[in-house]
């Protein structure tokens, strides 16, 4: 994450798909931000990174494990 985005994160929480098969069964990692601002050495410029609302992220074609996590953690 740091090399691409410039943000320092803790990526120790792994998400596993709930019984999915095939390519969509890939695990994913929940990243907790540890820095407030990105480093200037990021490979992706700020114009290529943005925060997305939960609903938009859920419909963005992410792996099933990520969609399941977002649906379960969407603010009411």
PDB file of N, CA and C in Angstrom:
ATOM      1  N   UNK A   1       0.820  -1.196   0.000  1.00  0.00           N
ATOM      2  CA  UNK A   1       0.000   0.000   0.000  1.00  0.00           C
ATOM      3  C   UNK A   1       0.860   1.254   0.000  1.00  0.00           C
ATOM      4  N   UNK A   2       1.898   1.253   0.823  1.00  0.00           N
ATOM      5  CA  UNK A   2       2.714   2.459   0.952  1.00  0.00           C
ATOM      6  C   UNK A   2       3.359   2.827  -0.384  1.00  0.00           C
ATOM      7  N   UNK A   3       3.911   1.833  -1.077  1.00  0.00           N
ATOM      8  CA  UNK A   3       4.574   2.122  -2.357  1.00  0.00           C
ATOM      9  C   UNK A   3       3.600   2.704  -3.383  1.00  0.00           C
ATOM     10  N   UNK A   4       2.376   2.189  -3.427  1.00  0.00           N
ATOM     11  CA  UNK A   4       1.403   2.661  -4.410  1.00  0.00           C
ATOM     12  C   UNK A   4       0.738   3.971  -4.017  1.00  0.00           C
ATOM     13  N   UNK A   5       0.239   4.035  -2.778  1.00  0.00           N
ATOM     14  CA  UNK A   5      -0.592   5.171  -2.375  1.00  0.00           C
ATOM     15  C   UNK A   5       0.132   6.212  -1.538  1.00  0.00           C
ATOM     16  N   UNK A   6       1.230   5.814  -0.903  1.00  0.00           N
ATOM     17  CA  UNK A   6       1.923   6.726  -0.008  1.00  0.00           C
ATOM     18  C   UNK A   6       1.358   6.727   1.396  1.00  0.00           C
ATOM     19  N   UNK A   7       0.285   5.948   1.621  1.00  0.00           N
ATOM     20  CA  UNK A   7      -0.297   5.849   2.956  1.00  0.00           C
ATOM     21  C   UNK A   7       0.299   4.665   3.698  1.00  0.00           C
ATOM     22  N   UNK A   8       0.674   4.875   4.935  1.00  0.00           N
ATOM     23  CA  UNK A   8       1.145   3.810   5.803  1.00  0.00           C
ATOM     24  C   UNK A   8      -0.088   3.147   6.413  1.00  0.00           C
ATOM     25  N   UNK A   9      -0.187   1.814   6.303  1.00  0.00           N
ATOM     26  CA  UNK A   9      -1.364   1.100   6.795  1.00  0.00           C
ATOM     27  C   UNK A   9      -0.956  -0.129   7.593  1.00  0.00           C
ATOM     28  N   UNK A  10      -1.888  -0.612   8.411  1.00  0.00           N
ATOM     29  CA  UNK A  10      -1.761  -1.889   9.094  1.00  0.00           C
ATOM     30  C   UNK A  10      -2.682  -2.836   8.332  1.00  0.00           C
ATOM     31  N   UNK A  11      -2.134  -3.792   7.642  1.00  0.00           N
ATOM     32  CA  UNK A  11      -2.932  -4.717   6.841  1.00  0.00           C
ATOM     33  C   UNK A  11      -2.920  -6.119   7.407  1.00  0.00           C
ATOM     34  N   UNK A  12      -3.199  -6.280   8.693  1.00  0.00           N
ATOM     35  CA  UNK A  12      -3.111  -7.591   9.327  1.00  0.00           C
ATOM     36  C   UNK A  12      -4.439  -8.337   9.392  1.00  0.00           C
ATOM     37  N   UNK A  13      -5.558  -7.707   8.990  1.00  0.00           N
ATOM     38  CA  UNK A  13      -6.863  -8.369   9.045  1.00  0.00           C
ATOM     39  C   UNK A  13      -7.214  -8.930   7.669  1.00  0.00           C
ATOM     40  N   UNK A  14      -7.263 -10.251   7.549  1.00  0.00           N
ATOM     41  CA  UNK A  14      -7.564 -10.902   6.279  1.00  0.00           C
ATOM     42  C   UNK A  14      -9.055 -11.211   6.206  1.00  0.00           C
ATOM     43  N   UNK A  15      -9.658 -10.924   5.051  1.00  0.00           N
ATOM     44  CA  UNK A  15     -11.052 -11.270   4.784  1.00  0.00           C
ATOM     45  C   UNK A  15     -11.068 -12.500   3.890  1.00  0.00           C
ATOM     46  N   UNK A  16     -11.862 -13.468   4.259  1.00  0.00           N
ATOM     47  CA  UNK A  16     -11.989 -14.674   3.437  1.00  0.00           C
ATOM     48  C   UNK A  16     -13.406 -14.738   2.888  1.00  0.00           C
ATOM     49  N   UNK A  17     -13.562 -15.146   1.623  1.00  0.00           N
ATOM     50  CA  UNK A  17     -14.903 -15.249   1.035  1.00  0.00           C
ATOM     51  C   UNK A  17     -15.757 -16.258   1.789  1.00  0.00           C
ATOM     52  N   UNK A  18     -17.061 -16.038   1.798  1.00  0.00           N
ATOM     53  CA  UNK A  18     -18.017 -16.918   2.472  1.00  0.00           C
ATOM     54  C   UNK A  18     -18.512 -18.000   1.514  1.00  0.00           C
ATOM     55  N   UNK A  19     -17.697 -18.999   1.211  1.00  0.00           N
ATOM     56  CA  UNK A  19     -18.134 -20.123   0.388  1.00  0.00           C
ATOM     57  C   UNK A  19     -18.134 -19.868  -1.110  1.00  0.00           C
ATOM     58  N   UNK A  20     -17.500 -18.808  -1.581  1.00  0.00           N
ATOM     59  CA  UNK A  20     -17.455 -18.529  -3.023  1.00  0.00           C
ATOM     60  C   UNK A  20     -16.448 -19.451  -3.701  1.00  0.00           C
ATOM     61  N   UNK A  21     -16.670 -19.701  -4.971  1.00  0.00           N
ATOM     62  CA  UNK A  21     -15.741 -20.525  -5.753  1.00  0.00           C
ATOM     63  C   UNK A  21     -15.256 -19.724  -6.947  1.00  0.00           C
ATOM     64  N   UNK A  22     -14.138 -20.138  -7.505  1.00  0.00           N
ATOM     65  CA  UNK A  22     -13.619 -19.471  -8.695  1.00  0.00           C
ATOM     66  C   UNK A  22     -12.780 -18.258  -8.351  1.00  0.00           C
ATOM     67  N   UNK A  23     -12.607 -17.394  -9.359  1.00  0.00           N
ATOM     68  CA  UNK A  23     -11.745 -16.219  -9.199  1.00  0.00           C
ATOM     69  C   UNK A  23     -12.262 -15.253  -8.139  1.00  0.00           C
ATOM     70  N   UNK A  24     -13.584 -15.215  -7.950  1.00  0.00           N
ATOM     71  CA  UNK A  24     -14.158 -14.296  -6.964  1.00  0.00           C
ATOM     72  C   UNK A  24     -13.897 -14.754  -5.536  1.00  0.00           C
ATOM     73  N   UNK A  25     -13.280 -15.918  -5.353  1.00  0.00           N
ATOM     74  CA  UNK A  25     -13.016 -16.462  -4.027  1.00  0.00           C
ATOM     75  C   UNK A  25     -11.687 -15.961  -3.446  1.00  0.00           C
ATOM     76  N   UNK A  26     -11.123 -14.942  -4.039  1.00  0.00           N
ATOM     77  CA  UNK A  26      -9.834 -14.419  -3.562  1.00  0.00           C
ATOM     78  C   UNK A  26      -9.991 -13.781  -2.190  1.00  0.00           C
ATOM     79  N   UNK A  27      -9.014 -13.993  -1.292  1.00  0.00           N
ATOM     80  CA  UNK A  27      -9.058 -13.278  -0.018  1.00  0.00           C
ATOM     81  C   UNK A  27      -8.667 -11.818  -0.234  1.00  0.00           C
ATOM     82  N   UNK A  28      -8.985 -10.983   0.721  1.00  0.00           N
ATOM     83  CA  UNK A  28      -8.639  -9.565   0.671  1.00  0.00           C
ATOM     84  C   UNK A  28      -8.135  -9.162   2.054  1.00  0.00           C
ATOM     85  N   UNK A  29      -7.596  -7.973   2.161  1.00  0.00           N
ATOM     86  CA  UNK A  29      -7.043  -7.482   3.422  1.00  0.00           C
ATOM     87  C   UNK A  29      -7.690  -6.161   3.789  1.00  0.00           C
ATOM     88  N   UNK A  30      -8.102  -6.042   5.050  1.00  0.00           N
ATOM     89  CA  UNK A  30      -8.619  -4.772   5.568  1.00  0.00           C
ATOM     90  C   UNK A  30      -7.416  -3.962   6.016  1.00  0.00           C
ATOM     91  N   UNK A  31      -7.297  -2.739   5.534  1.00  0.00           N
ATOM     92  CA  UNK A  31      -6.172  -1.879   5.891  1.00  0.00           C
ATOM     93  C   UNK A  31      -6.651  -0.727   6.766  1.00  0.00           C
ATOM     94  N   UNK A  32      -6.035  -0.584   7.913  1.00  0.00           N
ATOM     95  CA  UNK A  32      -6.314   0.539   8.803  1.00  0.00           C
ATOM     96  C   UNK A  32      -5.254   1.607   8.544  1.00  0.00           C
ATOM     97  N   UNK A  33      -5.683   2.822   8.239  1.00  0.00           N
ATOM     98  CA  UNK A  33      -4.734   3.909   7.985  1.00  0.00           C
ATOM     99  C   UNK A  33      -3.928   4.224   9.236  1.00  0.00           C
ATOM    100  N   UNK A  34      -2.632   4.376   9.057  1.00  0.00           N
ATOM    101  CA  UNK A  34      -1.740   4.768  10.149  1.00  0.00           C
ATOM    102  C   UNK A  34      -1.160   6.156   9.922  1.00  0.00           C
ATOM    103  N   UNK A  35      -1.379   6.713   8.736  1.00  0.00           N
ATOM    104  CA  UNK A  35      -0.884   8.063   8.445  1.00  0.00           C
ATOM    105  C   UNK A  35      -2.039   8.914   7.928  1.00  0.00           C
ATOM    106  N   UNK A  36      -1.976  10.204   8.201  1.00  0.00           N
ATOM    107  CA  UNK A  36      -3.054  11.115   7.775  1.00  0.00           C
ATOM    108  C   UNK A  36      -2.889  11.603   6.352  1.00  0.00           C
ATOM    109  N   UNK A  37      -1.660  11.712   5.910  1.00  0.00           N
ATOM    110  CA  UNK A  37      -1.390  12.244   4.568  1.00  0.00           C
ATOM    111  C   UNK A  37      -0.453  11.285   3.837  1.00  0.00           C
ATOM    112  N   UNK A  38      -0.570  11.204   2.504  1.00  0.00           N
ATOM    113  CA  UNK A  38       0.303  10.311   1.749  1.00  0.00           C
ATOM    114  C   UNK A  38       1.718  10.852   1.631  1.00  0.00           C
ATOM    115  N   UNK A  39       2.650   9.946   1.456  1.00  0.00           N
ATOM    116  CA  UNK A  39       4.041  10.297   1.219  1.00  0.00           C
ATOM    117  C   UNK A  39       4.180  10.838  -0.206  1.00  0.00           C
ATOM    118  N   UNK A  40       5.143  11.680  -0.430  1.00  0.00           N
ATOM    119  CA  UNK A  40       5.390  12.224  -1.764  1.00  0.00           C
ATOM    120  C   UNK A  40       5.988  11.174  -2.701  1.00  0.00           C
ATOM    121  N   UNK A  41       6.437  10.037  -2.160  1.00  0.00           N
ATOM    122  CA  UNK A  41       7.057   8.997  -2.981  1.00  0.00           C
ATOM    123  C   UNK A  41       6.056   7.987  -3.544  1.00  0.00           C
ATOM    124  N   UNK A  42       4.767   8.195  -3.402  1.00  0.00           N
ATOM    125  CA  UNK A  42       3.758   7.252  -3.893  1.00  0.00           C
ATOM    126  C   UNK A  42       3.849   7.109  -5.405  1.00  0.00           C
ATOM    127  N   UNK A  43       3.653   5.896  -5.906  1.00  0.00           N
ATOM    128  CA  UNK A  43       3.683   5.660  -7.351  1.00  0.00           C
ATOM    129  C   UNK A  43       2.409   6.137  -8.024  1.00  0.00           C
ATOM    130  N   UNK A  44       1.289   6.139  -7.306  1.00  0.00           N
ATOM    131  CA  UNK A  44       0.037   6.647  -7.856  1.00  0.00           C
ATOM    132  C   UNK A  44      -0.166   8.061  -7.342  1.00  0.00           C
ATOM    133  N   UNK A  45      -0.384   8.982  -8.241  1.00  0.00           N
ATOM    134  CA  UNK A  45      -0.617  10.362  -7.833  1.00  0.00           C
ATOM    135  C   UNK A  45      -1.987  10.519  -7.196  1.00  0.00           C
ATOM    136  N   UNK A  46      -2.190  11.578  -6.439  1.00  0.00           N
ATOM    137  CA  UNK A  46      -3.470  11.796  -5.760  1.00  0.00           C
ATOM    138  C   UNK A  46      -4.658  11.865  -6.712  1.00  0.00           C
ATOM    139  N   UNK A  47      -4.422  12.198  -7.969  1.00  0.00           N
ATOM    140  CA  UNK A  47      -5.517  12.252  -8.940  1.00  0.00           C
ATOM    141  C   UNK A  47      -6.020  10.855  -9.307  1.00  0.00           C
ATOM    142  N   UNK A  48      -5.272   9.808  -8.956  1.00  0.00           N
ATOM    143  CA  UNK A  48      -5.676   8.433  -9.270  1.00  0.00           C
ATOM    144  C   UNK A  48      -6.232   7.693  -8.057  1.00  0.00           C
ATOM    145  N   UNK A  49      -6.307   8.357  -6.914  1.00  0.00           N
ATOM    146  CA  UNK A  49      -6.812   7.737  -5.690  1.00  0.00           C
ATOM    147  C   UNK A  49      -7.936   8.604  -5.153  1.00  0.00           C
ATOM    148  N   UNK A  50      -9.010   7.961  -4.724  1.00  0.00           N
ATOM    149  CA  UNK A  50     -10.096   8.727  -4.109  1.00  0.00           C
ATOM    150  C   UNK A  50     -10.841   7.847  -3.119  1.00  0.00           C
ATOM    151  N   UNK A  51     -11.469   8.492  -2.162  1.00  0.00           N
ATOM    152  CA  UNK A  51     -12.325   7.797  -1.213  1.00  0.00           C
ATOM    153  C   UNK A  51     -13.681   7.623  -1.875  1.00  0.00           C
ATOM    154  N   UNK A  52     -14.324   6.494  -1.642  1.00  0.00           N
ATOM    155  CA  UNK A  52     -15.629   6.218  -2.245  1.00  0.00           C
ATOM    156  C   UNK A  52     -16.648   5.916  -1.154  1.00  0.00           C
ATOM    157  N   UNK A  53     -17.892   6.354  -1.344  1.00  0.00           N
ATOM    158  CA  UNK A  53     -18.950   5.996  -0.404  1.00  0.00           C
ATOM    159  C   UNK A  53     -19.150   4.470  -0.400  1.00  0.00           C
ATOM    160  N   UNK A  54     -19.625   3.938   0.727  1.00  0.00           N
ATOM    161  CA  UNK A  54     -19.835   2.497   0.848  1.00  0.00           C
ATOM    162  C   UNK A  54     -20.659   1.949  -0.318  1.00  0.00           C
ATOM    163  N   UNK A  55     -21.802   2.561  -0.617  1.00  0.00           N
ATOM    164  CA  UNK A  55     -22.691   2.046  -1.668  1.00  0.00           C
ATOM    165  C   UNK A  55     -21.967   1.975  -3.011  1.00  0.00           C
ATOM    166  N   UNK A  56     -21.181   2.971  -3.321  1.00  0.00           N
ATOM    167  CA  UNK A  56     -20.436   2.975  -4.586  1.00  0.00           C
ATOM    168  C   UNK A  56     -19.362   1.892  -4.580  1.00  0.00           C
ATOM    169  N   UNK A  57     -18.676   1.732  -3.467  1.00  0.00           N
ATOM    170  CA  UNK A  57     -17.628   0.715  -3.365  1.00  0.00           C
ATOM    171  C   UNK A  57     -18.212  -0.697  -3.485  1.00  0.00           C
ATOM    172  N   UNK A  58     -19.378  -0.921  -2.882  1.00  0.00           N
ATOM    173  CA  UNK A  58     -20.021  -2.236  -2.935  1.00  0.00           C
ATOM    174  C   UNK A  58     -20.340  -2.623  -4.378  1.00  0.00           C
ATOM    175  N   UNK A  59     -20.728  -1.655  -5.198  1.00  0.00           N
ATOM    176  CA  UNK A  59     -21.099  -1.918  -6.589  1.00  0.00           C
ATOM    177  C   UNK A  59     -19.940  -1.758  -7.573  1.00  0.00           C
ATOM    178  N   UNK A  60     -18.708  -1.680  -7.084  1.00  0.00           N
ATOM    179  CA  UNK A  60     -17.567  -1.386  -7.949  1.00  0.00           C
ATOM    180  C   UNK A  60     -16.879  -2.626  -8.534  1.00  0.00           C
ATOM    181  N   UNK A  61     -17.460  -3.810  -8.369  1.00  0.00           N
ATOM    182  CA  UNK A  61     -16.847  -5.009  -8.937  1.00  0.00           C
ATOM    183  C   UNK A  61     -15.697  -5.550  -8.102  1.00  0.00           C
ATOM    184  N   UNK A  62     -15.729  -5.294  -6.814  1.00  0.00           N
ATOM    185  CA  UNK A  62     -14.687  -5.788  -5.909  1.00  0.00           C
ATOM    186  C   UNK A  62     -14.884  -7.278  -5.635  1.00  0.00           C
ATOM    187  N   UNK A  63     -13.855  -7.982  -5.149  1.00  0.00           N
ATOM    188  CA  UNK A  63     -14.015  -9.397  -4.803  1.00  0.00           C
ATOM    189  C   UNK A  63     -15.130  -9.588  -3.767  1.00  0.00           C
ATOM    190  N   UNK A  64     -15.741 -10.773  -3.783  1.00  0.00           N
ATOM    191  CA  UNK A  64     -16.872 -11.058  -2.899  1.00  0.00           C
ATOM    192  C   UNK A  64     -16.540 -10.836  -1.422  1.00  0.00           C
ATOM    193  N   UNK A  65     -15.343 -11.208  -0.986  1.00  0.00           N
ATOM    194  CA  UNK A  65     -14.978 -11.032   0.419  1.00  0.00           C
ATOM    195  C   UNK A  65     -15.046  -9.556   0.815  1.00  0.00           C
ATOM    196  N   UNK A  66     -14.645  -8.661  -0.083  1.00  0.00           N
ATOM    197  CA  UNK A  66     -14.678  -7.226   0.196  1.00  0.00           C
ATOM    198  C   UNK A  66     -16.121  -6.726   0.213  1.00  0.00           C
ATOM    199  N   UNK A  67     -16.914  -7.140  -0.765  1.00  0.00           N
ATOM    200  CA  UNK A  67     -18.331  -6.739  -0.788  1.00  0.00           C
ATOM    201  C   UNK A  67     -19.044  -7.182   0.478  1.00  0.00           C
ATOM    202  N   UNK A  68     -18.826  -8.441   0.907  1.00  0.00           N
ATOM    203  CA  UNK A  68     -19.456  -8.947   2.125  1.00  0.00           C
ATOM    204  C   UNK A  68     -19.059  -8.101   3.335  1.00  0.00           C
ATOM    205  N   UNK A  69     -17.787  -7.753   3.413  1.00  0.00           N
ATOM    206  CA  UNK A  69     -17.300  -6.926   4.528  1.00  0.00           C
ATOM    207  C   UNK A  69     -17.973  -5.551   4.509  1.00  0.00           C
ATOM    208  N   UNK A  70     -18.015  -4.917   3.346  1.00  0.00           N
ATOM    209  CA  UNK A  70     -18.606  -3.584   3.244  1.00  0.00           C
ATOM    210  C   UNK A  70     -20.091  -3.601   3.577  1.00  0.00           C
ATOM    211  N   UNK A  71     -20.810  -4.611   3.094  1.00  0.00           N
ATOM    212  CA  UNK A  71     -22.237  -4.700   3.403  1.00  0.00           C
ATOM    213  C   UNK A  71     -22.437  -4.867   4.907  1.00  0.00           C
ATOM    214  N   UNK A  72     -21.612  -5.653   5.552  1.00  0.00           N
ATOM    215  CA  UNK A  72     -21.726  -5.872   6.994  1.00  0.00           C
ATOM    216  C   UNK A  72     -21.271  -4.709   7.841  1.00  0.00           C
ATOM    217  N   UNK A  73     -20.564  -3.759   7.241  1.00  0.00           N
ATOM    218  CA  UNK A  73     -20.025  -2.613   7.982  1.00  0.00           C
ATOM    219  C   UNK A  73     -20.552  -1.265   7.486  1.00  0.00           C
ATOM    220  N   UNK A  74     -21.574  -1.307   6.642  1.00  0.00           N
ATOM    221  CA  UNK A  74     -22.146  -0.070   6.116  1.00  0.00           C
ATOM    222  C   UNK A  74     -22.872   0.688   7.221  1.00  0.00           C
ATOM    223  N   UNK A  75     -22.548   1.961   7.425  1.00  0.00           N
ATOM    224  CA  UNK A  75     -23.239   2.745   8.456  1.00  0.00           C
ATOM    225  C   UNK A  75     -24.733   2.848   8.157  1.00  0.00           C
ATOM    226  N   UNK A  76     -25.521   2.855   9.198  1.00  0.00           N
ATOM    227  CA  UNK A  76     -26.982   2.946   9.044  1.00  0.00           C
ATOM    228  C   UNK A  76     -27.398   4.385   8.932  1.00  0.00           C
TER     229      UNK A  76
END
